[in-house]
């Protein structure tokens, strides 16, 4: 008989209860471990005593907690889509999501913290051309840690576009921003983002309308230059029936292949019949 393996032991438990409202709502949505293995960072949303929600980013050992709510915010939500990244040298942590302002509009809000202390290094907000609904869904860093990339959904005034932004990681300086309005000029929502191993290309995927009347959506995957934001290619995946939603990306270690996955309708007669569908592309 093989020797039974010991069960995993619980090493520690850490709870965060916002001291501004001990009976409010606190919900973690993302977690990352620093590359040097010294810290676990958790982020999500947290409610204060007035009922306003804000970002709450916490060191797993409870050495620090940093909360962000926009000045005059009506309600500052992460909407369950907060994204988190840690720099390759483990010195900085970056958080993004959606932040409501005093008028009730949502903006991307991206924040850089010191991982050692939770001190704020910089904050940047992105408001699209319609000054309305802008929600960041994903964040990634360049391999050398010099740039931070954020993507999501942004209202143009008539429809929703992908909106992808590059910031300098040290200061939050804006490097470039690009919008993608799909073939129908309708609903386009970027869900995931990844940077190539050589740091030259950032890939974005999500869902993009093909036909507004039928609700037909495709995976829409784009490749941009990390330095200039120049668009190099676009691929759309249209499954056997309507409704295809890109959700995640990965690049092979050698950078030659890009993999996209999500859910795709597998039966025209069943509303809930969705399949995993994974597509591989030549990355260059």
Protein backbone atom coordinates (compact mmCIF):
# COMPACT_ATOMS: atom_id res chain seq x y z
CA UNK A 1 0.00 0.00 0.00
CA UNK A 2 1.38 3.44 -0.85
CA UNK A 3 1.98 5.72 2.08
CA UNK A 4 -0.86 8.26 2.32
CA UNK A 5 0.25 11.78 1.66
CA UNK A 6 -0.23 14.17 4.58
CA UNK A 7 -3.07 16.59 4.18
CA UNK A 8 -2.25 20.18 3.41
CA UNK A 9 -1.73 22.08 6.62
CA UNK A 10 -3.14 25.54 7.19
CA UNK A 11 -0.16 27.81 7.80
CA UNK A 12 -2.07 30.98 8.58
CA UNK A 13 -5.38 32.80 8.17
CA UNK A 14 -5.70 36.55 7.74
CA UNK A 15 -8.99 38.45 7.87
CA UNK A 16 -9.52 42.07 6.82
CA UNK A 17 -12.47 43.90 8.38
CA UNK A 18 -12.42 47.54 7.35
CA UNK A 19 -11.92 49.54 10.57
CA UNK A 20 -14.00 52.38 9.08
CA UNK A 21 -17.06 50.12 9.08
CA UNK A 22 -16.67 46.91 11.04
CA UNK A 23 -20.02 45.55 9.85
CA UNK A 24 -19.76 46.63 6.22
CA UNK A 25 -19.15 44.62 3.07
CA UNK A 26 -15.55 43.57 2.34
CA UNK A 27 -14.97 41.29 -0.65
CA UNK A 28 -11.64 40.16 -2.07
CA UNK A 29 -11.53 39.68 -5.85
CA UNK A 30 -7.84 39.21 -6.78
CA UNK A 31 -4.65 37.87 -5.21
CA UNK A 32 -0.98 37.79 -6.23
CA UNK A 33 2.30 36.60 -4.72
CA UNK A 34 5.35 38.82 -5.10
CA UNK A 35 8.02 37.35 -7.42
CA UNK A 36 10.49 37.14 -4.52
CA UNK A 37 7.95 35.07 -2.56
CA UNK A 38 7.94 37.37 0.45
CA UNK A 39 4.40 38.79 0.25
CA UNK A 40 0.84 37.92 -0.64
CA UNK A 41 -1.21 40.91 -1.79
CA UNK A 42 -5.02 40.84 -1.93
CA UNK A 43 -7.37 43.41 -3.38
CA UNK A 44 -11.12 43.88 -3.73
CA UNK A 45 -13.77 46.28 -2.55
CA UNK A 46 -14.71 47.49 0.89
CA UNK A 47 -17.53 49.60 2.31
CA UNK A 48 -17.00 52.55 4.66
CA UNK A 49 -19.30 53.86 7.37
CA UNK A 50 -21.16 56.10 4.90
CA UNK A 51 -21.95 53.17 2.61
CA UNK A 52 -19.45 54.20 -0.07
CA UNK A 53 -17.46 51.35 -1.55
CA UNK A 54 -13.77 51.68 -2.36
CA UNK A 55 -10.78 49.64 -3.37
CA UNK A 56 -9.10 47.88 -0.45
CA UNK A 57 -5.62 46.46 -1.03
CA UNK A 58 -4.06 44.50 1.81
CA UNK A 59 -0.77 42.79 2.59
CA UNK A 60 -1.53 39.18 3.56
CA UNK A 61 0.42 39.47 6.80
CA UNK A 62 -1.68 42.54 7.68
CA UNK A 63 1.40 44.74 7.77
CA UNK A 64 -0.61 47.33 5.83
CA UNK A 65 -3.97 48.03 4.23
CA UNK A 66 -4.65 50.81 1.74
CA UNK A 67 -8.13 51.93 0.73
CA UNK A 68 -9.11 54.16 -2.19
CA UNK A 69 -12.41 55.90 -2.84
CA UNK A 70 -12.64 58.83 -5.22
CA UNK A 71 -13.25 62.22 -3.62
CA UNK A 72 -16.98 62.86 -3.52
CA UNK A 73 -17.77 59.40 -4.85
CA UNK A 74 -21.39 58.33 -4.77
CA UNK A 75 -20.34 54.69 -4.50
CA UNK A 76 -16.90 53.49 -5.47
CA UNK A 77 -17.14 49.90 -6.75
CA UNK A 78 -14.64 47.38 -8.06
CA UNK A 79 -17.62 45.61 -9.71
CA UNK A 80 -15.88 42.30 -9.09
CA UNK A 81 -13.41 43.10 -11.88
CA UNK A 82 -10.44 44.50 -9.98
CA UNK A 83 -7.10 43.39 -11.42
CA UNK A 84 -3.77 43.17 -9.64
CA UNK A 85 -0.12 42.93 -10.68
CA UNK A 86 3.25 43.04 -8.91
CA UNK A 87 6.45 44.34 -10.47
CA UNK A 88 9.21 41.83 -11.35
CA UNK A 89 11.45 43.26 -8.61
CA UNK A 90 8.58 42.94 -6.07
CA UNK A 91 8.81 46.62 -5.11
CA UNK A 92 5.45 47.81 -6.49
CA UNK A 93 1.90 46.52 -6.65
CA UNK A 94 -0.60 47.83 -9.19
CA UNK A 95 -4.39 47.69 -8.90
CA UNK A 96 -7.12 48.68 -11.35
CA UNK A 97 -10.88 48.41 -11.70
CA UNK A 98 -13.83 50.79 -11.85
CA UNK A 99 -14.29 53.85 -9.66
CA UNK A 100 -17.42 55.95 -9.48
CA UNK A 101 -17.07 59.73 -9.25
CA UNK A 102 -19.29 62.39 -7.71
CA UNK A 103 -21.54 62.47 -10.79
CA UNK A 104 -22.15 58.73 -10.71
CA UNK A 105 -19.96 57.98 -13.75
CA UNK A 106 -17.44 55.14 -13.70
CA UNK A 107 -13.78 55.59 -14.65
CA UNK A 108 -10.81 53.28 -14.82
CA UNK A 109 -8.78 53.95 -11.66
CA UNK A 110 -5.24 52.54 -11.60
CA UNK A 111 -3.06 52.84 -8.50
CA UNK A 112 0.57 51.98 -7.75
CA UNK A 113 1.61 51.14 -4.19
CA UNK A 114 4.88 50.29 -2.47
CA UNK A 115 4.67 46.62 -1.56
CA UNK A 116 6.71 47.18 1.61
CA UNK A 117 4.49 49.84 3.15
CA UNK A 118 1.34 50.23 1.05
CA UNK A 119 2.30 53.84 0.37
CA UNK A 120 0.67 55.32 -2.73
CA UNK A 121 3.17 56.04 -5.51
CA UNK A 122 0.67 57.33 -8.06
CA UNK A 123 -2.99 57.26 -9.11
CA UNK A 124 -4.42 57.62 -12.60
CA UNK A 125 -8.02 57.78 -13.77
CA UNK A 126 -9.20 57.20 -17.34
CA UNK A 127 -12.45 58.70 -18.52
CA UNK A 128 -13.58 57.87 -22.03
CA UNK A 129 -14.89 60.37 -24.60
CA UNK A 130 -18.49 60.12 -23.34
CA UNK A 131 -17.56 60.79 -19.69
CA UNK A 132 -19.76 57.88 -18.70
CA UNK A 133 -19.19 54.16 -18.15
CA UNK A 134 -15.54 53.04 -18.15
CA UNK A 135 -14.66 49.76 -16.40
CA UNK A 136 -11.16 48.24 -16.33
CA UNK A 137 -11.10 44.43 -16.34
CA UNK A 138 -7.44 43.41 -16.67
CA UNK A 139 -3.89 44.56 -15.94
CA UNK A 140 -0.44 43.30 -16.91
CA UNK A 141 3.16 44.49 -16.63
CA UNK A 142 5.98 44.41 -19.15
CA UNK A 143 8.63 41.76 -18.34
CA UNK A 144 11.14 44.43 -17.37
CA UNK A 145 8.59 46.17 -15.13
CA UNK A 146 8.82 49.51 -16.95
CA UNK A 147 5.20 49.69 -18.16
CA UNK A 148 1.73 48.82 -16.91
CA UNK A 149 -1.09 47.96 -19.31
CA UNK A 150 -4.79 48.17 -18.48
CA UNK A 151 -7.80 47.21 -20.59
CA UNK A 152 -11.56 47.03 -20.30
CA UNK A 153 -14.80 48.50 -21.58
CA UNK A 154 -15.47 52.17 -22.32
CA UNK A 155 -18.65 53.91 -23.48
CA UNK A 156 -18.11 56.09 -26.55
CA UNK A 157 -21.46 57.87 -26.48
CA UNK A 158 -23.16 55.45 -28.87
CA UNK A 159 -21.61 52.08 -28.01
CA UNK A 160 -18.95 50.32 -25.91
CA UNK A 161 -15.36 49.89 -27.10
CA UNK A 162 -12.24 48.13 -25.91
CA UNK A 163 -10.02 50.76 -24.28
CA UNK A 164 -6.38 49.80 -23.66
CA UNK A 165 -3.93 52.12 -21.90
CA UNK A 166 -0.19 51.99 -21.23
CA UNK A 167 1.38 53.79 -18.25
CA UNK A 168 4.97 54.24 -17.18
CA UNK A 169 5.28 52.05 -14.09
CA UNK A 170 7.56 54.44 -12.19
CA UNK A 171 5.45 57.60 -12.40
CA UNK A 172 2.13 56.68 -14.02
CA UNK A 173 2.93 58.78 -17.07
CA UNK A 174 0.56 58.07 -19.95
CA UNK A 175 2.42 56.30 -22.77
CA UNK A 176 -0.50 55.64 -25.13
CA UNK A 177 -4.18 54.71 -25.26
CA UNK A 178 -6.06 52.82 -27.96
CA UNK A 179 -9.73 52.05 -28.56
CA UNK A 180 -11.24 49.24 -30.61
CA UNK A 181 -14.73 49.59 -32.07
CA UNK A 182 -15.79 46.28 -33.62
CA UNK A 183 -17.41 45.41 -36.91
CA UNK A 184 -20.91 46.39 -35.78
CA UNK A 185 -19.93 49.46 -33.79
CA UNK A 186 -21.83 47.92 -30.87
CA UNK A 187 -20.94 46.16 -27.64
CA UNK A 188 -17.21 45.46 -27.29
CA UNK A 189 -15.77 44.47 -23.92
CA UNK A 190 -12.07 43.62 -23.39
CA UNK A 191 -11.73 40.98 -20.67
CA UNK A 192 -8.09 39.87 -20.61
CA UNK A 193 -4.62 41.13 -21.43
CA UNK A 194 -1.13 39.61 -21.57
CA UNK A 195 2.35 40.82 -22.60
CA UNK A 196 4.68 38.73 -24.76
CA UNK A 197 7.80 37.27 -23.06
CA UNK A 198 10.08 39.56 -25.07
CA UNK A 199 8.08 42.60 -24.02
CA UNK A 200 7.31 43.82 -27.55
CA UNK A 201 3.60 43.03 -27.85
CA UNK A 202 0.51 43.32 -25.69
CA UNK A 203 -2.43 41.08 -26.56
CA UNK A 204 -6.04 41.84 -25.64
CA UNK A 205 -9.17 39.72 -25.98
CA UNK A 206 -12.84 39.85 -25.06
CA UNK A 207 -16.19 39.84 -26.83
CA UNK A 208 -17.28 41.99 -29.76
CA UNK A 209 -20.67 42.20 -31.47
CA UNK A 210 -21.02 40.74 -34.93
CA UNK A 211 -24.79 41.26 -35.22
CA UNK A 212 -26.73 43.45 -32.84
CA UNK A 213 -30.12 42.07 -33.93
CA UNK A 214 -29.27 38.47 -33.05
CA UNK A 215 -26.88 39.18 -30.18
CA UNK A 216 -24.10 37.44 -32.13
CA UNK A 217 -20.70 38.10 -30.53
CA UNK A 218 -17.18 36.95 -31.44
CA UNK A 219 -13.92 36.57 -29.60
CA UNK A 220 -11.96 39.61 -30.78
CA UNK A 221 -8.21 39.42 -30.15
CA UNK A 222 -5.79 42.25 -30.94
CA UNK A 223 -2.03 42.69 -30.83
CA UNK A 224 -0.46 46.08 -30.07
CA UNK A 225 3.12 47.33 -29.88
CA UNK A 226 4.00 47.85 -26.23
CA UNK A 227 6.05 50.94 -27.03
CA UNK A 228 3.74 52.84 -29.38
CA UNK A 229 0.34 51.14 -29.20
CA UNK A 230 0.46 50.56 -32.94
CA UNK A 231 -2.03 47.86 -33.93
CA UNK A 232 -0.35 44.89 -35.65
CA UNK A 233 -3.16 42.36 -36.09
CA UNK A 234 -6.77 41.50 -35.25
CA UNK A 235 -8.39 38.07 -35.19
CA UNK A 236 -12.05 37.31 -34.65
CA UNK A 237 -13.44 33.88 -33.79
CA UNK A 238 -17.04 33.23 -34.81
CA UNK A 239 -18.27 29.88 -33.49
CA UNK A 240 -20.89 27.55 -35.01
CA UNK A 241 -23.74 29.56 -33.44
CA UNK A 242 -24.20 33.03 -32.01
CA UNK A 243 -22.45 34.25 -28.85
CA UNK A 244 -18.72 33.71 -28.34
CA UNK A 245 -17.07 35.34 -25.33
CA UNK A 246 -13.27 35.55 -25.01
CA UNK A 247 -12.20 35.40 -21.38
CA UNK A 248 -8.49 34.54 -20.99
CA UNK A 249 -5.13 34.66 -22.77
CA UNK A 250 -1.71 33.04 -22.48
CA UNK A 251 1.50 33.20 -24.52
CA UNK A 252 3.89 30.27 -24.96
CA UNK A 253 7.28 30.70 -23.22
CA UNK A 254 9.01 31.16 -26.57
CA UNK A 255 6.47 33.81 -27.58
CA UNK A 256 5.46 32.06 -30.79
CA UNK A 257 1.91 31.04 -29.89
CA UNK A 258 -1.00 32.90 -28.38
CA UNK A 259 -3.85 30.95 -26.79
CA UNK A 260 -7.33 32.36 -26.23
CA UNK A 261 -10.18 30.69 -24.39
CA UNK A 262 -13.69 31.45 -23.28
CA UNK A 263 -17.22 30.22 -23.84
CA UNK A 264 -18.95 29.61 -27.15
CA UNK A 265 -22.51 28.58 -27.93
CA UNK A 266 -22.55 24.95 -29.02
CA UNK A 267 -26.23 24.50 -29.88
CA UNK A 268 -28.50 26.97 -31.62
CA UNK A 269 -31.56 25.65 -29.83
CA UNK A 270 -30.29 25.66 -26.25
CA UNK A 271 -29.89 29.02 -24.57
CA UNK A 272 -27.56 27.66 -21.90
CA UNK A 273 -25.51 25.31 -24.08
CA UNK A 274 -22.03 26.85 -24.01
CA UNK A 275 -18.73 25.04 -24.53
CA UNK A 276 -15.13 25.76 -23.70
CA UNK A 277 -13.55 26.96 -26.94
CA UNK A 278 -9.78 27.48 -27.12
CA UNK A 279 -8.04 28.98 -30.14
CA UNK A 280 -4.30 29.03 -30.89
CA UNK A 281 -2.77 31.76 -33.05
CA UNK A 282 0.66 32.52 -34.41
CA UNK A 283 1.66 35.35 -32.10
CA UNK A 284 3.72 37.30 -34.65
